[in-house]
Structure formats: structure tokens, C-alpha cells
Protein backbone atom coordinates (compact mmCIF):
# COMPACT_ATOMS: atom_id res chain seq x y z
CA MET A 1 24.08 -24.94 -87.33
CA ALA A 2 20.87 -26.00 -85.64
CA LYS A 3 18.38 -23.41 -84.45
CA PHE A 4 16.21 -23.98 -81.43
CA PHE A 5 13.01 -22.19 -80.64
CA THR A 6 11.27 -22.13 -77.31
CA GLN A 7 7.74 -21.03 -76.81
CA PHE A 8 6.83 -18.83 -73.89
CA SER A 9 3.46 -17.73 -72.72
CA GLU A 10 2.79 -14.02 -72.73
CA HIS A 11 3.09 -13.98 -68.93
CA GLU A 12 6.44 -15.83 -68.98
CA LEU A 13 7.82 -13.49 -71.62
CA ARG A 14 6.75 -10.43 -69.63
CA GLU A 15 8.41 -11.88 -66.51
CA LEU A 16 11.67 -12.59 -68.37
CA ILE A 17 11.80 -9.10 -69.89
CA SER A 18 10.90 -7.47 -66.59
CA TYR A 19 13.64 -9.40 -64.77
CA ALA A 20 16.28 -8.56 -67.40
CA VAL A 21 15.41 -4.85 -67.43
CA ARG A 22 15.34 -4.65 -63.62
CA GLU A 23 18.74 -6.36 -63.39
CA GLN A 24 20.30 -4.02 -65.94
CA LEU A 25 18.87 -0.92 -64.23
CA GLN A 26 20.18 -2.07 -60.84
CA ASN A 27 23.65 -2.68 -62.30
CA LEU A 28 23.63 0.75 -63.92
CA PHE A 29 22.46 2.44 -60.71
CA HIS A 30 25.12 0.72 -58.58
CA ARG A 31 27.87 1.53 -61.09
CA LYS A 32 26.85 5.22 -61.23
CA GLU A 33 26.65 5.46 -57.43
CA LYS A 34 30.08 3.88 -57.06
CA GLU A 35 31.61 6.23 -59.66
CA LYS A 36 29.98 9.23 -58.00
CA HIS A 37 31.37 8.44 -54.56
CA GLU A 38 34.79 7.38 -55.78
CA GLU A 39 35.37 10.64 -57.59
CA GLU A 40 34.03 13.05 -54.99
CA LEU A 41 36.82 14.94 -53.24
CA LEU A 42 36.22 16.91 -50.05
CA SER A 43 38.33 19.76 -48.73
CA ILE A 44 39.23 20.07 -45.06
CA LYS A 45 36.59 22.79 -44.75
CA GLN A 46 33.90 20.50 -46.19
CA VAL A 47 34.88 17.69 -43.81
CA CYS A 48 34.65 20.15 -40.91
CA GLU A 49 31.15 21.18 -42.00
CA ILE A 50 29.94 17.60 -42.48
CA PHE A 51 31.12 16.38 -39.07
CA LYS A 52 30.74 19.71 -37.27
CA VAL A 53 34.30 19.64 -35.97
CA SER A 54 37.19 22.07 -36.06
CA ARG A 55 39.93 22.16 -38.68
CA GLN A 56 42.38 20.98 -36.04
CA THR A 57 40.24 17.93 -35.27
CA VAL A 58 40.27 16.90 -38.95
CA LEU A 59 44.04 17.40 -39.07
CA ASP A 60 44.43 15.36 -35.86
CA TRP A 61 42.32 12.53 -37.34
CA ARG A 62 44.56 12.62 -40.40
CA LYS A 63 47.77 12.64 -38.35
CA LYS A 64 46.56 9.70 -36.21
CA GLY A 65 45.69 7.75 -39.37
CA LEU A 66 41.96 7.66 -38.60
CA ILE A 67 41.16 9.11 -42.03
CA GLN A 68 43.06 8.91 -45.29
CA SER A 69 43.83 11.92 -47.43
CA ILE A 70 45.45 12.77 -50.73
CA SER A 71 47.50 15.81 -51.63
CA LEU A 72 47.11 17.69 -54.88
CA ASN A 73 49.24 20.78 -55.50
CA ARG A 74 50.04 21.05 -51.78
CA ARG A 75 46.33 20.97 -50.86
CA VAL A 76 44.78 18.20 -48.79
CA PHE A 77 41.63 16.41 -49.95
CA PHE A 78 39.64 13.44 -48.75
CA LEU A 79 37.84 10.91 -50.92
CA LYS A 80 34.28 10.97 -49.65
CA ASN A 81 33.75 7.22 -49.78
CA LYS A 82 37.07 6.51 -48.02
CA LEU A 83 36.35 9.12 -45.37
CA PHE A 84 33.03 7.56 -44.40
CA ASP A 85 34.45 4.03 -44.60
CA ASN A 86 37.36 4.95 -42.29
CA LEU A 87 35.10 6.56 -39.71
CA LYS A 88 32.52 3.76 -39.85
CA GLN A 89 35.25 1.18 -39.31
CA ARG A 90 36.68 3.16 -36.38
CA ASN A 91 33.25 3.53 -34.79
CA ARG A 92 32.49 -0.18 -35.20
CA ILE A 93 35.69 -0.94 -33.31
CA LEU A 94 34.65 1.46 -30.54
CA GLY A 95 31.06 0.13 -30.57
CA GLU A 96 29.56 3.41 -31.75
CA GLU A 97 27.44 4.27 -34.77
CA ILE A 98 27.63 7.41 -36.88
């Protein structure tokens, strides 16, 4: 098996290492952020507090299909990332921003 060696200047080597480390840190950061948002469950009360709306409004949004929910042991929860995605999509359709 042939071995090949390439020579780099100190500056080139620093640039290569810097690029590789930066890329790995960005990948790690994005993966952690995605995991954090995917796992975060919100109760109806928390959704009410975030959007400053009544419990009935949240239940109406759910009934109309504007937001998705999951049920665990007869309790209703909302995945945080899905909640914001649903509302952003709805507001884009209506021409509003949240």
C-alpha cells in the first residue's frame, strides 16, 4: 500500500484545523438544538402563558387543527417545535408574523 504525504504551510494547516473544528462544533450545536426542541413538551397552561391566550382558545386551535397535540395518560401536550411551526405556517398563509 502506497503512502502519500502532503506538505502544508503552518498557515494552511491552521486554516484546515480551524475549518474542521468549526464544522464539527456547528454540527454538534445544531444536533443539540434539534434534540432539545423535539423533546420539549408543553402543557395547555404553558401554551396559554406563552401566547397570552385563554385555555379555551388553545383548545379551539387544537379542535380546528391549527396546532397538533399528543395525549399521554389522558393529558394533552404540545411538542414545542411543532407548535411554533404550525402557528408560523398559519400566519404566513394569513400574511402575519408572530
